[in-house]
């Protein structure tokens, strides 16, 4: 049974391992294999910092002690952007297509209801059709295109800028 919950500081090493695995498995995440050089202690400090911010969190999907996916919300820091949460999502290939993404977004929306956030936003590489479909399924709309936003294997890739607005 896969549990969706908020990350804890003691998850730092397992979360770092998850991120490193995602770097290896997909070209749709930001970091290339071997590029991430975060230590477990740095990851621990980053988790503490994120959890201390009212508009930020990391939700994890855990299966029998193993972290298999996550959804992070990074809240705006300036008064004019505190209502916006920027989303980053990653799910390992072995667990992709099993409804975890939908469950992570449901948990994020439940968490959001207790914050000042009235908009979620994210970017996604346009060729990542599976992710685009998930985001549309959970209510995100394409708000624009970021041309040549990412370079993968020497080629420029466009991204969709997507958002979901909630009633205040």
Foldseek 3Di string as FASTA:
>chain_A
DKDKDWDDLVCLVLVVVQVLLQLDQDLWDAHHRPPDDDDSVNSSVVQVVQVVDQQWTKIFIDDPRHTFKIKIWDADDDPVGRQETEIDIDGHPVCPPVCVLVVRVVVVVVSCVPGNHFKYKYKTFPVPVSVVVSCVVNPKDFPDKAWQPGAGPNRGTIITIIMHGHDD
